[in-house]
């Protein structure tokens, strides 16, 4: 991509950059899907036993895009029971 501008003049407007990309995951319990310009990542832990699971989401752009593909590590902790924890919140006025 090449841009140009004249010194002392108003800068040119931004130029959109379009490229094709795809997303993939490497575990049955992990779901990654593109949604516009973002990637939604979800899990299905219904068939998993308690433990720590690791996988990756891979985002791949078309040929020529630097830094592609990118792997994002994902860690899932499945436990038998998650207890809710409530922390007290105290609001104090300044000077008291």
PDB file of N, CA and C in Angstrom:
ATOM      1  N   UNK A   1       0.846  -1.158   0.000  1.00  0.00           N
ATOM      2  CA  UNK A   1       0.000   0.000   0.000  1.00  0.00           C
ATOM      3  C   UNK A   1       0.897   1.228   0.000  1.00  0.00           C
ATOM      4  N   UNK A   2       0.605   2.158  -0.847  1.00  0.00           N
ATOM      5  CA  UNK A   2       1.373   3.394  -0.910  1.00  0.00           C
ATOM      6  C   UNK A   2       0.416   4.572  -0.767  1.00  0.00           C
ATOM      7  N   UNK A   3       0.775   5.501   0.083  1.00  0.00           N
ATOM      8  CA  UNK A   3      -0.024   6.705   0.293  1.00  0.00           C
ATOM      9  C   UNK A   3       0.843   7.913   0.002  1.00  0.00           C
ATOM     10  N   UNK A   4       0.204   9.039  -0.300  1.00  0.00           N
ATOM     11  CA  UNK A   4       0.974  10.251  -0.515  1.00  0.00           C
ATOM     12  C   UNK A   4       0.226  11.449   0.062  1.00  0.00           C
ATOM     13  N   UNK A   5       0.993  12.476   0.421  1.00  0.00           N
ATOM     14  CA  UNK A   5       0.420  13.704   0.959  1.00  0.00           C
ATOM     15  C   UNK A   5       1.336  14.852   0.584  1.00  0.00           C
ATOM     16  N   UNK A   6       0.783  16.054   0.523  1.00  0.00           N
ATOM     17  CA  UNK A   6       1.567  17.253   0.237  1.00  0.00           C
ATOM     18  C   UNK A   6       1.846  17.987   1.536  1.00  0.00           C
ATOM     19  N   UNK A   7       3.105  18.329   1.739  1.00  0.00           N
ATOM     20  CA  UNK A   7       3.502  19.020   2.958  1.00  0.00           C
ATOM     21  C   UNK A   7       2.743  20.340   3.062  1.00  0.00           C
ATOM     22  N   UNK A   8       2.212  20.609   4.259  1.00  0.00           N
ATOM     23  CA  UNK A   8       1.502  21.851   4.509  1.00  0.00           C
ATOM     24  C   UNK A   8       0.066  21.851   4.017  1.00  0.00           C
ATOM     25  N   UNK A   9      -0.394  20.778   3.413  1.00  0.00           N
ATOM     26  CA  UNK A   9      -1.765  20.704   2.908  1.00  0.00           C
ATOM     27  C   UNK A   9      -2.588  19.771   3.801  1.00  0.00           C
ATOM     28  N   UNK A  10      -3.874  19.771   3.585  1.00  0.00           N
ATOM     29  CA  UNK A  10      -4.764  18.878   4.331  1.00  0.00           C
ATOM     30  C   UNK A  10      -4.408  17.431   3.987  1.00  0.00           C
ATOM     31  N   UNK A  11      -4.330  16.614   5.015  1.00  0.00           N
ATOM     32  CA  UNK A  11      -3.997  15.194   4.803  1.00  0.00           C
ATOM     33  C   UNK A  11      -5.111  14.499   4.031  1.00  0.00           C
ATOM     34  N   UNK A  12      -4.755  13.519   3.220  1.00  0.00           N
ATOM     35  CA  UNK A  12      -5.788  12.774   2.487  1.00  0.00           C
ATOM     36  C   UNK A  12      -6.628  11.954   3.460  1.00  0.00           C
ATOM     37  N   UNK A  13      -7.856  11.619   3.073  1.00  0.00           N
ATOM     38  CA  UNK A  13      -8.709  10.817   3.959  1.00  0.00           C
ATOM     39  C   UNK A  13      -8.139   9.412   4.125  1.00  0.00           C
ATOM     40  N   UNK A  14      -8.510   8.728   5.201  1.00  0.00           N
ATOM     41  CA  UNK A  14      -8.049   7.346   5.392  1.00  0.00           C
ATOM     42  C   UNK A  14      -8.485   6.458   4.227  1.00  0.00           C
ATOM     43  N   UNK A  15      -7.653   5.487   3.932  1.00  0.00           N
ATOM     44  CA  UNK A  15      -7.936   4.538   2.852  1.00  0.00           C
ATOM     45  C   UNK A  15      -8.297   3.194   3.462  1.00  0.00           C
ATOM     46  N   UNK A  16      -9.465   2.646   3.115  1.00  0.00           N
ATOM     47  CA  UNK A  16      -9.822   1.340   3.678  1.00  0.00           C
ATOM     48  C   UNK A  16      -8.899   0.243   3.155  1.00  0.00           C
ATOM     49  N   UNK A  17      -8.652  -0.724   3.983  1.00  0.00           N
ATOM     50  CA  UNK A  17      -7.817  -1.857   3.619  1.00  0.00           C
ATOM     51  C   UNK A  17      -8.669  -3.111   3.762  1.00  0.00           C
ATOM     52  N   UNK A  18      -8.885  -3.788   2.679  1.00  0.00           N
ATOM     53  CA  UNK A  18      -9.729  -4.972   2.685  1.00  0.00           C
ATOM     54  C   UNK A  18      -8.884  -6.208   2.400  1.00  0.00           C
ATOM     55  N   UNK A  19      -9.142  -7.281   3.136  1.00  0.00           N
ATOM     56  CA  UNK A  19      -8.517  -8.551   2.832  1.00  0.00           C
ATOM     57  C   UNK A  19      -9.407  -9.667   3.347  1.00  0.00           C
ATOM     58  N   UNK A  20      -9.227 -10.831   2.779  1.00  0.00           N
ATOM     59  CA  UNK A  20      -9.995 -12.010   3.172  1.00  0.00           C
ATOM     60  C   UNK A  20      -9.289 -12.712   4.325  1.00  0.00           C
ATOM     61  N   UNK A  21     -10.062 -13.240   5.273  1.00  0.00           N
ATOM     62  CA  UNK A  21      -9.476 -13.972   6.370  1.00  0.00           C
ATOM     63  C   UNK A  21     -10.421 -15.079   6.795  1.00  0.00           C
ATOM     64  N   UNK A  22      -9.862 -16.069   7.480  1.00  0.00           N
ATOM     65  CA  UNK A  22     -10.653 -17.194   7.978  1.00  0.00           C
ATOM     66  C   UNK A  22     -10.208 -17.519   9.392  1.00  0.00           C
ATOM     67  N   UNK A  23     -11.036 -18.271  10.079  1.00  0.00           N
ATOM     68  CA  UNK A  23     -10.733 -18.636  11.456  1.00  0.00           C
ATOM     69  C   UNK A  23     -11.003 -20.127  11.624  1.00  0.00           C
ATOM     70  N   UNK A  24     -10.185 -20.777  12.463  1.00  0.00           N
ATOM     71  CA  UNK A  24     -10.329 -22.208  12.700  1.00  0.00           C
ATOM     72  C   UNK A  24      -9.970 -22.501  14.143  1.00  0.00           C
ATOM     73  N   UNK A  25     -10.555 -23.556  14.693  1.00  0.00           N
ATOM     74  CA  UNK A  25     -10.202 -23.993  16.049  1.00  0.00           C
ATOM     75  C   UNK A  25      -9.748 -25.441  15.979  1.00  0.00           C
ATOM     76  N   UNK A  26      -9.021 -25.878  17.024  1.00  0.00           N
ATOM     77  CA  UNK A  26      -8.445 -27.227  16.972  1.00  0.00           C
ATOM     78  C   UNK A  26      -8.930 -28.144  18.082  1.00  0.00           C
ATOM     79  N   UNK A  27     -10.141 -27.909  18.604  1.00  0.00           N
ATOM     80  CA  UNK A  27     -10.689 -28.789  19.643  1.00  0.00           C
ATOM     81  C   UNK A  27     -12.194 -28.921  19.437  1.00  0.00           C
ATOM     82  N   UNK A  28     -12.742 -30.102  19.751  1.00  0.00           N
ATOM     83  CA  UNK A  28     -14.179 -30.319  19.592  1.00  0.00           C
ATOM     84  C   UNK A  28     -15.006 -29.427  20.511  1.00  0.00           C
ATOM     85  N   UNK A  29     -14.468 -29.093  21.677  1.00  0.00           N
ATOM     86  CA  UNK A  29     -15.216 -28.289  22.651  1.00  0.00           C
ATOM     87  C   UNK A  29     -15.142 -26.795  22.378  1.00  0.00           C
ATOM     88  N   UNK A  30     -14.334 -26.400  21.427  1.00  0.00           N
ATOM     89  CA  UNK A  30     -14.104 -24.986  21.127  1.00  0.00           C
ATOM     90  C   UNK A  30     -14.778 -24.613  19.814  1.00  0.00           C
ATOM     91  N   UNK A  31     -15.505 -23.505  19.819  1.00  0.00           N
ATOM     92  CA  UNK A  31     -16.130 -23.015  18.601  1.00  0.00           C
ATOM     93  C   UNK A  31     -15.662 -21.586  18.346  1.00  0.00           C
ATOM     94  N   UNK A  32     -15.121 -21.352  17.173  1.00  0.00           N
ATOM     95  CA  UNK A  32     -14.687 -20.011  16.771  1.00  0.00           C
ATOM     96  C   UNK A  32     -15.340 -19.704  15.434  1.00  0.00           C
ATOM     97  N   UNK A  33     -15.996 -18.554  15.363  1.00  0.00           N
ATOM     98  CA  UNK A  33     -16.640 -18.180  14.112  1.00  0.00           C
ATOM     99  C   UNK A  33     -16.506 -16.690  13.864  1.00  0.00           C
ATOM    100  N   UNK A  34     -16.250 -16.327  12.621  1.00  0.00           N
ATOM    101  CA  UNK A  34     -16.142 -14.903  12.300  1.00  0.00           C
ATOM    102  C   UNK A  34     -17.518 -14.253  12.322  1.00  0.00           C
ATOM    103  N   UNK A  35     -17.553 -13.022  12.781  1.00  0.00           N
ATOM    104  CA  UNK A  35     -18.779 -12.224  12.770  1.00  0.00           C
ATOM    105  C   UNK A  35     -18.381 -10.812  12.382  1.00  0.00           C
ATOM    106  N   UNK A  36     -18.454 -10.530  11.098  1.00  0.00           N
ATOM    107  CA  UNK A  36     -18.000  -9.231  10.613  1.00  0.00           C
ATOM    108  C   UNK A  36     -16.500  -9.107  10.780  1.00  0.00           C
ATOM    109  N   UNK A  37     -16.077  -8.127  11.562  1.00  0.00           N
ATOM    110  CA  UNK A  37     -14.644  -7.888  11.766  1.00  0.00           C
ATOM    111  C   UNK A  37     -14.111  -8.520  13.037  1.00  0.00           C
ATOM    112  N   UNK A  38     -14.938  -9.280  13.759  1.00  0.00           N
ATOM    113  CA  UNK A  38     -14.505  -9.896  15.011  1.00  0.00           C
ATOM    114  C   UNK A  38     -14.646 -11.411  14.932  1.00  0.00           C
ATOM    115  N   UNK A  39     -14.094 -12.082  15.916  1.00  0.00           N
ATOM    116  CA  UNK A  39     -14.219 -13.533  16.026  1.00  0.00           C
ATOM    117  C   UNK A  39     -14.919 -13.844  17.336  1.00  0.00           C
ATOM    118  N   UNK A  40     -16.015 -14.586  17.264  1.00  0.00           N
ATOM    119  CA  UNK A  40     -16.708 -15.047  18.465  1.00  0.00           C
ATOM    120  C   UNK A  40     -16.130 -16.399  18.860  1.00  0.00           C
ATOM    121  N   UNK A  41     -15.746 -16.525  20.127  1.00  0.00           N
ATOM    122  CA  UNK A  41     -15.172 -17.769  20.628  1.00  0.00           C
ATOM    123  C   UNK A  41     -16.064 -18.273  21.754  1.00  0.00           C
ATOM    124  N   UNK A  42     -16.498 -19.516  21.637  1.00  0.00           N
ATOM    125  CA  UNK A  42     -17.348 -20.126  22.651  1.00  0.00           C
ATOM    126  C   UNK A  42     -16.870 -21.525  22.968  1.00  0.00           C
ATOM    127  N   UNK A  43     -17.426 -22.089  24.035  1.00  0.00           N
ATOM    128  CA  UNK A  43     -17.064 -23.446  24.427  1.00  0.00           C
ATOM    129  C   UNK A  43     -18.325 -24.256  24.685  1.00  0.00           C
ATOM    130  N   UNK A  44     -18.202 -25.570  24.516  1.00  0.00           N
ATOM    131  CA  UNK A  44     -19.253 -26.514  24.881  1.00  0.00           C
ATOM    132  C   UNK A  44     -18.617 -27.512  25.836  1.00  0.00           C
ATOM    133  N   UNK A  45     -18.807 -27.281  27.125  1.00  0.00           N
ATOM    134  CA  UNK A  45     -18.185 -28.119  28.148  1.00  0.00           C
ATOM    135  C   UNK A  45     -19.088 -29.259  28.601  1.00  0.00           C
ATOM    136  N   UNK A  46     -20.222 -29.457  27.933  1.00  0.00           N
ATOM    137  CA  UNK A  46     -21.197 -30.452  28.398  1.00  0.00           C
ATOM    138  C   UNK A  46     -20.662 -31.881  28.401  1.00  0.00           C
ATOM    139  N   UNK A  47     -19.737 -32.229  27.548  1.00  0.00           N
ATOM    140  CA  UNK A  47     -19.213 -33.598  27.488  1.00  0.00           C
ATOM    141  C   UNK A  47     -17.833 -33.731  28.124  1.00  0.00           C
ATOM    142  N   UNK A  48     -17.360 -32.690  28.798  1.00  0.00           N
ATOM    143  CA  UNK A  48     -16.018 -32.715  29.368  1.00  0.00           C
ATOM    144  C   UNK A  48     -16.059 -33.044  30.853  1.00  0.00           C
ATOM    145  N   UNK A  49     -15.018 -33.730  31.316  1.00  0.00           N
ATOM    146  CA  UNK A  49     -14.878 -33.979  32.751  1.00  0.00           C
ATOM    147  C   UNK A  49     -14.052 -32.840  33.357  1.00  0.00           C
ATOM    148  N   UNK A  50     -14.010 -32.774  34.673  1.00  0.00           N
ATOM    149  CA  UNK A  50     -13.247 -31.721  35.344  1.00  0.00           C
ATOM    150  C   UNK A  50     -11.784 -31.779  34.926  1.00  0.00           C
ATOM    151  N   UNK A  51     -11.215 -30.612  34.706  1.00  0.00           N
ATOM    152  CA  UNK A  51      -9.818 -30.540  34.323  1.00  0.00           C
ATOM    153  C   UNK A  51      -9.524 -29.262  33.565  1.00  0.00           C
ATOM    154  N   UNK A  52      -8.292 -29.176  33.104  1.00  0.00           N
ATOM    155  CA  UNK A  52      -7.836 -28.024  32.328  1.00  0.00           C
ATOM    156  C   UNK A  52      -7.661 -28.479  30.881  1.00  0.00           C
ATOM    157  N   UNK A  53      -8.237 -27.726  29.966  1.00  0.00           N
ATOM    158  CA  UNK A  53      -8.165 -28.042  28.548  1.00  0.00           C
ATOM    159  C   UNK A  53      -7.489 -26.889  27.819  1.00  0.00           C
ATOM    160  N   UNK A  54      -6.661 -27.226  26.851  1.00  0.00           N
ATOM    161  CA  UNK A  54      -5.968 -26.204  26.080  1.00  0.00           C
ATOM    162  C   UNK A  54      -6.175 -26.449  24.595  1.00  0.00           C
ATOM    163  N   UNK A  55      -6.333 -25.348  23.866  1.00  0.00           N
ATOM    164  CA  UNK A  55      -6.520 -25.421  22.423  1.00  0.00           C
ATOM    165  C   UNK A  55      -6.036 -24.100  21.834  1.00  0.00           C
ATOM    166  N   UNK A  56      -6.326 -23.892  20.565  1.00  0.00           N
ATOM    167  CA  UNK A  56      -5.928 -22.649  19.910  1.00  0.00           C
ATOM    168  C   UNK A  56      -6.948 -22.267  18.859  1.00  0.00           C
ATOM    169  N   UNK A  57      -7.105 -20.964  18.687  1.00  0.00           N
ATOM    170  CA  UNK A  57      -7.880 -20.404  17.583  1.00  0.00           C
ATOM    171  C   UNK A  57      -6.860 -19.827  16.605  1.00  0.00           C
ATOM    172  N   UNK A  58      -6.971 -20.205  15.347  1.00  0.00           N
ATOM    173  CA  UNK A  58      -6.040 -19.723  14.328  1.00  0.00           C
ATOM    174  C   UNK A  58      -6.772 -18.806  13.367  1.00  0.00           C
ATOM    175  N   UNK A  59      -6.252 -17.591  13.218  1.00  0.00           N
ATOM    176  CA  UNK A  59      -6.791 -16.630  12.261  1.00  0.00           C
ATOM    177  C   UNK A  59      -5.790 -16.535  11.108  1.00  0.00           C
ATOM    178  N   UNK A  60      -6.277 -16.805   9.899  1.00  0.00           N
ATOM    179  CA  UNK A  60      -5.424 -16.812   8.720  1.00  0.00           C
ATOM    180  C   UNK A  60      -5.936 -15.794   7.709  1.00  0.00           C
ATOM    181  N   UNK A  61      -5.062 -14.907   7.293  1.00  0.00           N
ATOM    182  CA  UNK A  61      -5.406 -13.922   6.266  1.00  0.00           C
ATOM    183  C   UNK A  61      -4.903 -14.415   4.915  1.00  0.00           C
ATOM    184  N   UNK A  62      -5.348 -13.737   3.875  1.00  0.00           N
ATOM    185  CA  UNK A  62      -4.930 -14.126   2.524  1.00  0.00           C
ATOM    186  C   UNK A  62      -3.424 -13.971   2.364  1.00  0.00           C
ATOM    187  N   UNK A  63      -2.887 -14.588   1.335  1.00  0.00           N
ATOM    188  CA  UNK A  63      -1.447 -14.544   1.075  1.00  0.00           C
ATOM    189  C   UNK A  63      -0.961 -13.104   0.983  1.00  0.00           C
ATOM    190  N   UNK A  64       0.194 -12.853   1.554  1.00  0.00           N
ATOM    191  CA  UNK A  64       0.797 -11.533   1.480  1.00  0.00           C
ATOM    192  C   UNK A  64       0.535 -10.657   2.690  1.00  0.00           C
ATOM    193  N   UNK A  65      -0.352 -11.069   3.593  1.00  0.00           N
ATOM    194  CA  UNK A  65      -0.620 -10.284   4.802  1.00  0.00           C
ATOM    195  C   UNK A  65       0.403 -10.686   5.852  1.00  0.00           C
ATOM    196  N   UNK A  66       1.225  -9.727   6.266  1.00  0.00           N
ATOM    197  CA  UNK A  66       2.280 -10.014   7.239  1.00  0.00           C
ATOM    198  C   UNK A  66       1.692 -10.444   8.573  1.00  0.00           C
ATOM    199  N   UNK A  67       2.345 -11.385   9.221  1.00  0.00           N
ATOM    200  CA  UNK A  67       1.923 -11.848  10.532  1.00  0.00           C
ATOM    201  C   UNK A  67       0.856 -12.926  10.492  1.00  0.00           C
ATOM    202  N   UNK A  68       0.491 -13.380   9.324  1.00  0.00           N
ATOM    203  CA  UNK A  68      -0.539 -14.407   9.207  1.00  0.00           C
ATOM    204  C   UNK A  68       0.125 -15.757   8.967  1.00  0.00           C
ATOM    205  N   UNK A  69      -0.354 -16.805   9.580  1.00  0.00           N
ATOM    206  CA  UNK A  69      -1.485 -16.878  10.497  1.00  0.00           C
ATOM    207  C   UNK A  69      -1.101 -16.511  11.929  1.00  0.00           C
ATOM    208  N   UNK A  70      -2.113 -16.218  12.733  1.00  0.00           N
ATOM    209  CA  UNK A  70      -1.922 -15.907  14.146  1.00  0.00           C
ATOM    210  C   UNK A  70      -2.660 -16.953  14.966  1.00  0.00           C
ATOM    211  N   UNK A  71      -1.967 -17.540  15.937  1.00  0.00           N
ATOM    212  CA  UNK A  71      -2.601 -18.507  16.832  1.00  0.00           C
ATOM    213  C   UNK A  71      -2.837 -17.850  18.182  1.00  0.00           C
ATOM    214  N   UNK A  72      -4.083 -17.962  18.669  1.00  0.00           N
ATOM    215  CA  UNK A  72      -4.457 -17.428  19.971  1.00  0.00           C
ATOM    216  C   UNK A  72      -4.710 -18.615  20.896  1.00  0.00           C
ATOM    217  N   UNK A  73      -3.888 -18.770  21.946  1.00  0.00           N
ATOM    218  CA  UNK A  73      -4.099 -19.897  22.860  1.00  0.00           C
ATOM    219  C   UNK A  73      -5.374 -19.705  23.680  1.00  0.00           C
ATOM    220  N   UNK A  74      -6.069 -20.816  23.930  1.00  0.00           N
ATOM    221  CA  UNK A  74      -7.296 -20.809  24.726  1.00  0.00           C
ATOM    222  C   UNK A  74      -7.143 -21.851  25.821  1.00  0.00           C
ATOM    223  N   UNK A  75      -7.454 -21.463  27.061  1.00  0.00           N
ATOM    224  CA  UNK A  75      -7.442 -22.404  28.180  1.00  0.00           C
ATOM    225  C   UNK A  75      -8.839 -22.432  28.789  1.00  0.00           C
ATOM    226  N   UNK A  76      -9.357 -23.622  29.018  1.00  0.00           N
ATOM    227  CA  UNK A  76     -10.672 -23.802  29.630  1.00  0.00           C
ATOM    228  C   UNK A  76     -10.495 -24.603  30.913  1.00  0.00           C
ATOM    229  N   UNK A  77     -11.021 -24.087  32.000  1.00  0.00           N
ATOM    230  CA  UNK A  77     -11.001 -24.785  33.283  1.00  0.00           C
ATOM    231  C   UNK A  77     -12.409 -25.283  33.552  1.00  0.00           C
ATOM    232  N   UNK A  78     -12.560 -26.610  33.632  1.00  0.00           N
ATOM    233  CA  UNK A  78     -13.850 -27.218  33.939  1.00  0.00           C
ATOM    234  C   UNK A  78     -13.770 -27.752  35.360  1.00  0.00           C
ATOM    235  N   UNK A  79     -14.688 -27.304  36.206  1.00  0.00           N
ATOM    236  CA  UNK A  79     -14.695 -27.767  37.601  1.00  0.00           C
ATOM    237  C   UNK A  79     -16.043 -28.385  37.924  1.00  0.00           C
ATOM    238  N   UNK A  80     -16.063 -29.177  38.992  1.00  0.00           N
ATOM    239  CA  UNK A  80     -17.297 -29.852  39.391  1.00  0.00           C
ATOM    240  C   UNK A  80     -18.377 -28.856  39.787  1.00  0.00           C
ATOM    241  N   UNK A  81     -17.989 -27.815  40.507  1.00  0.00           N
ATOM    242  CA  UNK A  81     -18.964 -26.840  40.968  1.00  0.00           C
ATOM    243  C   UNK A  81     -18.278 -25.500  41.140  1.00  0.00           C
ATOM    244  N   UNK A  82     -18.908 -24.478  40.642  1.00  0.00           N
ATOM    245  CA  UNK A  82     -18.381 -23.131  40.800  1.00  0.00           C
ATOM    246  C   UNK A  82     -19.257 -22.419  41.810  1.00  0.00           C
ATOM    247  N   UNK A  83     -18.628 -21.915  42.874  1.00  0.00           N
ATOM    248  CA  UNK A  83     -19.362 -21.212  43.910  1.00  0.00           C
ATOM    249  C   UNK A  83     -19.354 -19.714  43.633  1.00  0.00           C
ATOM    250  N   UNK A  84     -20.524 -19.089  43.709  1.00  0.00           N
ATOM    251  CA  UNK A  84     -20.533 -17.633  43.553  1.00  0.00           C
ATOM    252  C   UNK A  84     -19.909 -16.974  44.784  1.00  0.00           C
ATOM    253  N   UNK A  85     -19.177 -15.926  44.559  1.00  0.00           N
ATOM    254  CA  UNK A  85     -18.539 -15.195  45.643  1.00  0.00           C
ATOM    255  C   UNK A  85     -19.051 -13.768  45.595  1.00  0.00           C
ATOM    256  N   UNK A  86     -19.507 -13.284  46.746  1.00  0.00           N
ATOM    257  CA  UNK A  86     -20.001 -11.919  46.836  1.00  0.00           C
ATOM    258  C   UNK A  86     -19.066 -11.125  47.729  1.00  0.00           C
ATOM    259  N   UNK A  87     -18.530 -10.062  47.199  1.00  0.00           N
ATOM    260  CA  UNK A  87     -17.630  -9.209  47.954  1.00  0.00           C
ATOM    261  C   UNK A  87     -18.389  -7.962  48.381  1.00  0.00           C
ATOM    262  N   UNK A  88     -18.240  -7.560  49.637  1.00  0.00           N
ATOM    263  CA  UNK A  88     -18.953  -6.341  50.068  1.00  0.00           C
ATOM    264  C   UNK A  88     -18.354  -5.115  49.389  1.00  0.00           C
ATOM    265  N   UNK A  89     -19.201  -4.180  49.127  1.00  0.00           N
ATOM    266  CA  UNK A  89     -18.784  -2.919  48.502  1.00  0.00           C
ATOM    267  C   UNK A  89     -19.205  -1.799  49.426  1.00  0.00           C
ATOM    268  N   UNK A  90     -18.241  -1.009  49.877  1.00  0.00           N
ATOM    269  CA  UNK A  90     -18.530   0.087  50.790  1.00  0.00           C
ATOM    270  C   UNK A  90     -18.141   1.387  50.109  1.00  0.00           C
ATOM    271  N   UNK A  91     -19.111   2.286  49.995  1.00  0.00           N
ATOM    272  CA  UNK A  91     -18.867   3.581  49.398  1.00  0.00           C
ATOM    273  C   UNK A  91     -18.687   4.595  50.518  1.00  0.00           C
ATOM    274  N   UNK A  92     -17.564   5.240  50.531  1.00  0.00           N
ATOM    275  CA  UNK A  92     -17.272   6.228  51.562  1.00  0.00           C
ATOM    276  C   UNK A  92     -17.168   7.608  50.942  1.00  0.00           C
ATOM    277  N   UNK A  93     -17.688   8.558  51.635  1.00  0.00           N
ATOM    278  CA  UNK A  93     -17.585   9.943  51.178  1.00  0.00           C
ATOM    279  C   UNK A  93     -16.197  10.473  51.517  1.00  0.00           C
ATOM    280  N   UNK A  94     -15.636  11.320  50.653  1.00  0.00           N
ATOM    281  CA  UNK A  94     -14.328  11.887  50.958  1.00  0.00           C
ATOM    282  C   UNK A  94     -14.383  12.696  52.253  1.00  0.00           C
ATOM    283  N   UNK A  95     -13.358  12.575  53.047  1.00  0.00           N
ATOM    284  CA  UNK A  95     -13.259  13.345  54.286  1.00  0.00           C
ATOM    285  C   UNK A  95     -13.895  12.674  55.491  1.00  0.00           C
ATOM    286  N   UNK A  96     -14.467  11.488  55.336  1.00  0.00           N
ATOM    287  CA  UNK A  96     -15.059  10.807  56.511  1.00  0.00           C
ATOM    288  C   UNK A  96     -14.123   9.786  57.066  1.00  0.00           C
TER     289      UNK A  96
END
